[in-house]
Amino acid sequence: MYEAFYGLSSKPFQLSPDPNFYYGSKQHRRAKAYLDYGVLRNDGFIVITGEIGAGKTTLLRGLLDSLNRSNVVIGNVVTTQLDAEDTLRMVGAAFGVRVKDAPKSELLMTLEAFFVNQVTQGKRCLLIVDEAQNLTPRAVEELRMLSNFQFANQSLLQTFLVGQPEFRGILQKPEMEQFRQRVAATCHIGPLDEDETQRYMEHRLKCAGSTGKPTFDHDAFPAIHKASNGIPRRINRLCDRLLLLGFMQGRTHLTLADVKEVLRDIAQESEVPRHSDVSPLDSVPARLPDSRPGALDSAPGALDVNKLKMSVAEVEGLSSEIAALSADHHTDRLQRLERSMMRLERINLQTLALLQKLVDAVKQQ
């Protein structure tokens, strides 16, 4: 939407992983070195952990792109809370092996035969298990058993386990000792520091074809790092909204005030409304007591004023206060809607003005 405005060839801060935008921070370079070492060993397990959005998938895809796909057969599994046997079936399905309704013994023999067949053709089999933190201990043990398959002293299967930080805790359990001995390399990808956050942003803009636009105030970078905690996907989300704001306002230089405005907008969009669709007043009888003198005594399910030890005047006053609260509630909702409509109208006007500028520029050419 805003690429042409900034002179970019592509969207620099997209949320989906793209190896073309890979940024080698200190931690990412260290992780990649461990992965390269593990791949060269061509056996055992490689464990990659990191926060959501830390760049695990981008790093992994970059590594896979560097492999010779002509002699590597890759199976991808995204785990959920499956039992051990279902996990094996998922592995078979990932490699295109027909395993439906087969008993476990036949399933294992079929997988082993498939792996042996690939090795005899000069190929290697690589299994990638994403969301590994969802694996049960029994499922991890079944994966470990698959690593026992060998042919002429050559391992038939190598496995990459990619997951969130809690997977590291799972691996430290006493019952995981045998599995830990099969791990060839493990790495954890943490957040970027403040300087890396700035270089990360500049790197992605350059990859997207930037020739100097947009520009940022120097104090905008620390604010972006603090708001995102240095997590690349959060940086992308914030910067994407920041560039959109600049586009709508016709500015290529972005300031700390712009960062704060975007953060306020995101916070407002994320907050849970104080009033749900069902008003707390809905717990009051749908028909409020009639406030006319004497009407309370004749209303269905009328309150027994004597038991409440309240005078009729006090009850009528309470009824009036409830009605006033209901009116205030509706007034607040109308005011919020009005503010939202005014904000949308302002955005529409700014967009139309920018479009008009683009049309005028085309006419002058």
Protein backbone atom coordinates (compact mmCIF):
# COMPACT_ATOMS: atom_id res chain seq x y z
CA MET A 1 0.00 0.00 0.00
CA TYR A 2 2.75 2.47 0.96
CA GLU A 3 5.70 0.98 -0.94
CA ALA A 4 5.52 3.44 -3.88
CA PHE A 5 5.25 6.40 -1.51
CA TYR A 6 8.61 5.55 0.10
CA GLY A 7 10.17 4.32 -3.15
CA LEU A 8 10.36 0.71 -1.96
CA SER A 9 10.27 -2.37 -4.17
CA SER A 10 8.59 -4.57 -1.58
CA LYS A 11 7.07 -4.49 1.89
CA PRO A 12 9.99 -4.31 4.37
CA PHE A 13 8.25 -5.33 7.58
CA GLN A 14 5.97 -8.18 6.60
CA LEU A 15 5.04 -10.59 9.38
CA SER A 16 5.55 -13.84 7.45
CA PRO A 17 9.09 -15.33 7.51
CA ASP A 18 11.23 -14.55 4.45
CA PRO A 19 14.86 -15.75 4.20
CA ASN A 20 15.59 -12.88 1.80
CA PHE A 21 15.28 -10.50 4.77
CA TYR A 22 17.43 -12.60 7.12
CA TYR A 23 19.41 -10.40 9.50
CA GLY A 24 22.45 -11.97 11.14
CA SER A 25 22.45 -10.65 14.68
CA LYS A 26 25.04 -12.01 17.13
CA GLN A 27 22.62 -14.65 18.37
CA HIS A 28 21.37 -15.56 14.91
CA ARG A 29 24.93 -15.99 13.61
CA ARG A 30 25.80 -18.18 16.59
CA ALA A 31 22.66 -20.25 16.07
CA LYS A 32 23.40 -20.65 12.37
CA ALA A 33 26.94 -21.84 13.13
CA TYR A 34 25.57 -24.55 15.42
CA LEU A 35 23.04 -25.56 12.80
CA ASP A 36 25.67 -25.78 10.07
CA TYR A 37 27.74 -28.00 12.34
CA GLY A 38 24.77 -30.22 13.08
CA VAL A 39 23.87 -30.56 9.40
CA LEU A 40 27.42 -31.61 8.55
CA ARG A 41 27.17 -34.42 11.09
CA ASN A 42 24.06 -35.68 9.29
CA ASP A 43 22.67 -37.53 12.29
CA GLY A 44 21.03 -37.01 15.66
CA PHE A 45 18.84 -34.11 16.69
CA ILE A 46 19.24 -30.37 16.30
CA VAL A 47 17.18 -28.30 18.75
CA ILE A 48 16.26 -24.68 18.00
CA THR A 49 14.34 -22.66 20.58
CA GLY A 50 13.30 -19.05 20.86
CA GLU A 51 10.46 -16.72 21.73
CA ILE A 52 7.47 -16.43 19.39
CA GLY A 53 8.57 -14.20 16.52
CA ALA A 54 12.30 -14.39 17.36
CA GLY A 55 13.20 -15.54 13.85
CA LYS A 56 13.44 -19.33 14.27
CA THR A 57 11.55 -20.10 11.06
CA THR A 58 13.44 -17.50 9.03
CA LEU A 59 16.77 -18.93 10.20
CA LEU A 60 15.64 -22.49 9.50
CA ARG A 61 14.32 -21.68 6.03
CA GLY A 62 17.58 -19.95 5.17
CA LEU A 63 19.48 -23.04 6.24
CA LEU A 64 17.22 -25.34 4.21
CA ASP A 65 17.62 -23.14 1.14
CA SER A 66 21.39 -23.66 1.39
CA LEU A 67 21.00 -27.45 1.21
CA ASN A 68 21.10 -29.32 -2.06
CA ARG A 69 17.42 -30.20 -2.43
CA SER A 70 18.20 -32.77 -5.12
CA ASN A 71 19.62 -35.14 -2.51
CA VAL A 72 17.61 -34.13 0.57
CA VAL A 73 14.09 -35.39 1.30
CA ILE A 74 12.38 -33.13 3.84
CA GLY A 75 9.35 -33.95 5.95
CA ASN A 76 7.60 -31.20 7.94
CA VAL A 77 5.46 -31.85 11.00
CA VAL A 78 3.64 -29.22 13.06
CA THR A 79 2.83 -30.86 16.37
CA THR A 80 -0.22 -30.63 18.53
CA GLN A 81 -1.02 -32.66 21.63
CA LEU A 82 -0.74 -36.03 19.87
CA ASP A 83 0.02 -39.35 21.47
CA ALA A 84 3.15 -41.25 20.52
CA GLU A 85 1.66 -43.44 17.79
CA ASP A 86 -0.17 -40.55 16.13
CA THR A 87 3.13 -38.65 16.06
CA LEU A 88 4.67 -41.53 14.11
CA ARG A 89 1.76 -41.42 11.68
CA MET A 90 2.35 -37.69 11.21
CA VAL A 91 6.00 -38.42 10.42
CA GLY A 92 4.97 -40.99 7.84
CA ALA A 93 2.45 -38.63 6.26
CA ALA A 94 5.09 -35.86 6.14
CA PHE A 95 7.28 -38.09 3.96
CA GLY A 96 4.37 -39.27 1.83
CA VAL A 97 4.37 -42.79 3.27
CA ARG A 98 1.02 -44.58 3.40
CA VAL A 99 0.55 -45.43 7.08
CA LYS A 100 -3.20 -45.10 7.61
CA ASP A 101 -4.66 -47.72 9.98
CA ALA A 102 -1.38 -49.68 10.06
CA PRO A 103 -0.39 -51.16 13.44
CA LYS A 104 2.66 -49.66 15.11
CA SER A 105 5.00 -52.53 14.18
CA GLU A 106 4.06 -52.26 10.50
CA LEU A 107 4.29 -48.48 10.68
CA LEU A 108 7.89 -48.64 11.94
CA MET A 109 8.90 -51.21 9.32
CA THR A 110 7.34 -49.08 6.55
CA LEU A 111 9.20 -45.97 7.70
CA GLU A 112 12.51 -47.83 7.96
CA ALA A 113 12.06 -49.28 4.46
CA PHE A 114 11.35 -45.80 3.11
CA PHE A 115 14.47 -44.31 4.73
CA VAL A 116 16.66 -47.18 3.48
CA ASN A 117 15.31 -46.73 -0.03
CA GLN A 118 16.21 -43.03 0.01
CA VAL A 119 19.74 -43.72 1.24
CA THR A 120 20.35 -46.29 -1.47
CA GLN A 121 19.41 -43.58 -3.99
CA GLY A 122 22.05 -41.28 -2.52
CA LYS A 123 19.56 -39.14 -0.64
CA ARG A 124 19.26 -38.13 3.01
CA CYS A 125 16.06 -37.73 5.03
CA LEU A 126 15.51 -34.68 7.21
CA LEU A 127 12.53 -34.35 9.55
CA ILE A 128 11.51 -30.89 10.82
CA VAL A 129 9.20 -30.81 13.83
CA ASP A 130 7.73 -27.38 14.53
CA GLU A 131 6.02 -26.35 17.80
CA ALA A 132 8.10 -29.03 19.53
CA GLN A 133 7.04 -27.75 22.96
CA ASN A 134 3.72 -29.56 22.36
CA LEU A 135 5.40 -32.97 22.16
CA THR A 136 4.61 -35.38 24.96
CA PRO A 137 7.52 -37.30 26.59
CA ARG A 138 6.32 -40.49 24.88
CA ALA A 139 6.26 -38.73 21.50
CA VAL A 140 9.84 -37.51 22.04
CA GLU A 141 10.85 -41.05 22.90
CA GLU A 142 9.32 -42.37 19.65
CA LEU A 143 11.30 -39.79 17.68
CA ARG A 144 14.42 -40.91 19.51
CA MET A 145 13.70 -44.50 18.50
CA LEU A 146 13.50 -43.42 14.85
CA SER A 147 17.03 -42.07 15.17
CA ASN A 148 18.18 -45.65 15.85
CA PHE A 149 17.50 -46.61 12.23
CA GLN A 150 20.83 -47.15 10.48
CA PHE A 151 22.08 -48.56 7.19
CA ALA A 152 25.72 -49.55 6.79
CA ASN A 153 26.71 -47.47 9.85
CA GLN A 154 24.90 -44.46 8.39
CA SER A 155 22.05 -42.78 10.20
CA LEU A 156 18.84 -42.89 8.16
CA LEU A 157 17.17 -39.83 9.64
CA GLN A 158 18.17 -36.46 11.05
CA THR A 159 15.62 -34.38 12.97
CA PHE A 160 15.31 -30.65 13.64
CA LEU A 161 13.12 -29.79 16.65
CA VAL A 162 11.92 -26.18 16.63
CA GLY A 163 10.02 -24.83 19.60
CA GLN A 164 9.43 -22.20 22.21
CA PRO A 165 11.67 -21.77 25.29
CA GLU A 166 9.65 -24.17 27.44
CA PHE A 167 10.89 -27.05 25.26
CA ARG A 168 14.34 -26.57 26.83
CA GLY A 169 12.75 -27.25 30.20
CA ILE A 170 11.15 -30.43 28.88
CA LEU A 171 14.54 -31.69 27.67
CA GLN A 172 16.07 -31.19 31.14
CA LYS A 173 13.73 -33.71 32.75
CA PRO A 174 15.48 -36.85 34.08
CA GLU A 175 13.57 -39.13 31.70
CA MET A 176 15.00 -37.20 28.72
CA GLU A 177 18.60 -38.30 29.42
CA GLN A 178 18.75 -40.79 26.53
CA PHE A 179 17.32 -38.20 24.17
CA ARG A 180 19.81 -35.52 25.28
CA GLN A 181 22.66 -37.87 24.34
CA ARG A 182 21.35 -37.88 20.76
CA VAL A 183 21.32 -34.07 20.42
CA ALA A 184 24.06 -32.97 18.01
CA ALA A 185 23.52 -29.23 18.47
CA THR A 186 21.17 -26.94 20.33
CA CYS A 187 20.72 -23.19 20.12
CA HIS A 188 18.45 -20.56 21.61
CA ILE A 189 17.56 -17.34 19.78
CA GLY A 190 16.98 -14.44 22.14
CA PRO A 191 15.80 -10.87 21.49
CA LEU A 192 17.82 -8.17 19.70
CA ASP A 193 19.52 -5.47 21.76
CA GLU A 194 18.89 -1.76 21.14
CA ASP A 195 21.67 -1.26 18.57
CA GLU A 196 20.70 -4.45 16.74
CA THR A 197 17.09 -3.28 16.59
CA GLN A 198 18.15 -0.16 14.68
CA ARG A 199 20.43 -2.14 12.36
CA TYR A 200 17.68 -4.72 11.86
CA MET A 201 15.25 -2.02 10.72
CA GLU A 202 17.81 -0.44 8.41
CA HIS A 203 18.71 -3.86 6.99
CA ARG A 204 15.12 -4.73 6.14
CA LEU A 205 14.53 -1.33 4.53
CA LYS A 206 17.64 -1.80 2.41
CA CYS A 207 16.48 -5.28 1.38
CA ALA A 208 13.17 -3.71 0.35
CA GLY A 209 14.97 -1.27 -1.98
CA SER A 210 15.12 1.83 0.23
CA THR A 211 17.25 4.68 -1.13
CA GLY A 212 17.07 6.80 2.01
CA LYS A 213 13.36 6.89 2.78
CA PRO A 214 11.82 6.69 5.25
CA THR A 215 14.03 8.35 7.88
CA PHE A 216 13.66 8.22 11.65
CA ASP A 217 14.48 10.48 14.57
CA HIS A 218 17.35 9.01 16.56
CA ASP A 219 15.22 8.69 19.70
CA ALA A 220 12.58 6.68 17.81
CA PHE A 221 14.80 3.57 17.78
CA PRO A 222 15.07 3.11 21.59
CA ALA A 223 11.29 3.52 21.85
CA ILE A 224 10.73 0.85 19.19
CA HIS A 225 13.17 -1.50 20.94
CA LYS A 226 11.49 -0.99 24.31
CA ALA A 227 7.99 -1.50 22.94
CA SER A 228 8.95 -4.65 21.01
CA ASN A 229 11.36 -6.13 23.60
CA GLY A 230 13.71 -6.73 20.66
CA ILE A 231 11.52 -9.49 19.16
CA PRO A 232 11.77 -9.22 15.34
CA ARG A 233 8.11 -9.99 14.60
CA ARG A 234 6.97 -7.35 17.09
CA ILE A 235 9.40 -4.87 15.51
CA ASN A 236 7.90 -5.69 12.12
CA ARG A 237 4.37 -5.14 13.34
CA LEU A 238 5.19 -1.79 14.92
CA CYS A 239 7.27 -0.53 11.99
CA ASP A 240 4.65 -1.58 9.45
CA ARG A 241 2.06 0.53 11.27
CA LEU A 242 4.57 3.36 11.59
CA LEU A 243 5.19 3.48 7.83
CA LEU A 244 1.45 3.36 7.23
CA LEU A 245 1.00 6.38 9.51
CA GLY A 246 3.68 8.31 7.64
CA PHE A 247 2.03 7.42 4.33
CA MET A 248 -1.39 8.61 5.49
CA GLN A 249 0.07 11.88 6.74
CA GLY A 250 2.28 12.40 3.69
CA ARG A 251 5.56 12.37 5.65
CA THR A 252 8.71 10.30 5.02
CA HIS A 253 10.42 11.35 8.26
CA LEU A 254 9.07 9.62 11.36
CA THR A 255 9.48 10.83 14.92
CA LEU A 256 9.22 9.60 18.50
CA ALA A 257 5.76 11.20 18.64
CA ASP A 258 4.72 9.03 15.69
CA VAL A 259 5.95 5.92 17.49
CA LYS A 260 3.92 6.86 20.56
CA GLU A 261 0.82 7.50 18.44
CA VAL A 262 1.07 4.08 16.81
CA LEU A 263 1.57 2.43 20.21
CA ARG A 264 -1.54 4.17 21.51
CA ASP A 265 -3.53 2.98 18.51
CA ILE A 266 -2.34 -0.60 18.95
CA ALA A 267 -3.12 -0.49 22.67
CA GLN A 268 -6.63 0.78 22.01
CA GLU A 269 -7.22 -1.92 19.42
CA SER A 270 -5.97 -4.63 21.78
CA GLU A 271 -7.74 -3.63 24.97
CA VAL A 272 -10.83 -5.48 26.09
CA PRO A 273 -13.85 -3.13 26.14
CA ARG A 274 -14.95 -2.25 29.62
CA HIS A 275 -18.57 -2.91 28.63
CA SER A 276 -19.41 -6.20 27.00
CA ASP A 277 -22.24 -6.60 24.52
CA VAL A 278 -24.39 -7.57 27.48
CA SER A 279 -24.67 -4.61 29.81
CA PRO A 280 -24.38 -5.22 33.54
CA LEU A 281 -27.75 -3.54 33.72
CA ASP A 282 -29.19 -6.54 31.88
CA SER A 283 -29.01 -8.36 35.20
CA VAL A 284 -31.62 -5.88 36.45
CA PRO A 285 -35.21 -6.88 35.55
CA ALA A 286 -35.90 -6.01 31.93
CA ARG A 287 -38.68 -3.75 33.09
CA LEU A 288 -37.55 -1.24 35.69
CA PRO A 289 -40.02 -0.50 38.46
CA ASP A 290 -42.49 2.21 37.58
CA SER A 291 -41.40 5.35 39.38
CA ARG A 292 -44.90 6.72 39.68
CA PRO A 293 -46.16 6.98 43.26
CA GLY A 294 -47.69 3.71 44.39
CA ALA A 295 -46.66 1.83 41.25
CA LEU A 296 -44.02 -0.26 43.07
CA ASP A 297 -46.65 -1.95 45.21
CA SER A 298 -48.61 -3.21 42.19
CA ALA A 299 -45.74 -4.22 39.87
CA PRO A 300 -45.25 -7.95 39.15
CA GLY A 301 -42.70 -9.38 41.59
CA ALA A 302 -42.97 -6.14 43.54
CA LEU A 303 -40.34 -5.48 46.18
CA ASP A 304 -41.45 -5.76 49.75
CA VAL A 305 -40.44 -2.33 50.98
CA ASN A 306 -41.07 -3.25 54.58
CA LYS A 307 -38.62 -6.15 54.42
CA LEU A 308 -36.01 -3.95 52.79
CA LYS A 309 -36.52 -1.38 55.47
CA MET A 310 -36.58 1.35 52.83
CA SER A 311 -39.11 4.02 52.29
CA VAL A 312 -40.97 4.35 49.00
CA ALA A 313 -39.13 7.61 48.38
CA GLU A 314 -35.76 5.87 48.81
CA VAL A 315 -36.72 3.08 46.43
CA GLU A 316 -37.94 5.61 43.86
CA GLY A 317 -34.66 7.49 44.22
CA LEU A 318 -32.70 4.27 43.66
CA SER A 319 -34.76 3.57 40.54
CA SER A 320 -33.98 7.05 39.21
CA GLU A 321 -30.25 6.54 39.82
CA ILE A 322 -30.32 3.22 37.91
CA ALA A 323 -32.07 4.91 35.00
CA ALA A 324 -29.48 7.70 35.04
CA LEU A 325 -26.62 5.16 35.02
CA SER A 326 -28.21 3.42 32.04
CA ALA A 327 -28.46 6.74 30.19
CA ASP A 328 -24.81 7.56 31.00
CA HIS A 329 -23.77 4.14 29.70
CA HIS A 330 -25.47 4.69 26.36
CA THR A 331 -24.07 8.22 26.14
CA ASP A 332 -20.53 6.88 26.67
CA ARG A 333 -21.02 4.32 23.92
CA LEU A 334 -22.29 6.98 21.52
CA GLN A 335 -19.32 9.22 22.31
CA ARG A 336 -16.87 6.38 21.63
CA LEU A 337 -18.57 5.62 18.33
CA GLU A 338 -18.48 9.29 17.39
CA ARG A 339 -14.74 9.52 18.12
CA SER A 340 -14.10 6.39 16.04
CA MET A 341 -16.10 7.78 13.13
CA MET A 342 -14.23 11.10 13.28
CA ARG A 343 -10.90 9.24 13.27
CA LEU A 344 -11.95 7.16 10.26
CA GLU A 345 -13.13 10.29 8.48
CA ARG A 346 -9.76 11.95 9.12
CA ILE A 347 -7.91 8.94 7.72
CA ASN A 348 -10.17 8.86 4.65
CA LEU A 349 -9.59 12.55 3.97
CA GLN A 350 -5.82 12.13 4.27
CA THR A 351 -5.90 9.12 1.95
CA LEU A 352 -7.98 10.99 -0.63
CA ALA A 353 -5.60 13.94 -0.47
CA LEU A 354 -2.62 11.68 -1.10
CA LEU A 355 -4.40 9.98 -3.98
CA GLN A 356 -5.15 13.37 -5.49
CA LYS A 357 -1.45 14.27 -5.26
CA LEU A 358 -0.57 11.05 -7.05
CA VAL A 359 -3.12 11.79 -9.80
CA ASP A 360 -1.79 15.33 -10.22
CA ALA A 361 1.77 13.99 -10.41
CA VAL A 362 0.77 11.52 -13.14
CA LYS A 363 -0.94 14.28 -15.14
CA GLN A 364 2.17 16.41 -15.06
CA GLN A 365 4.32 13.67 -16.57
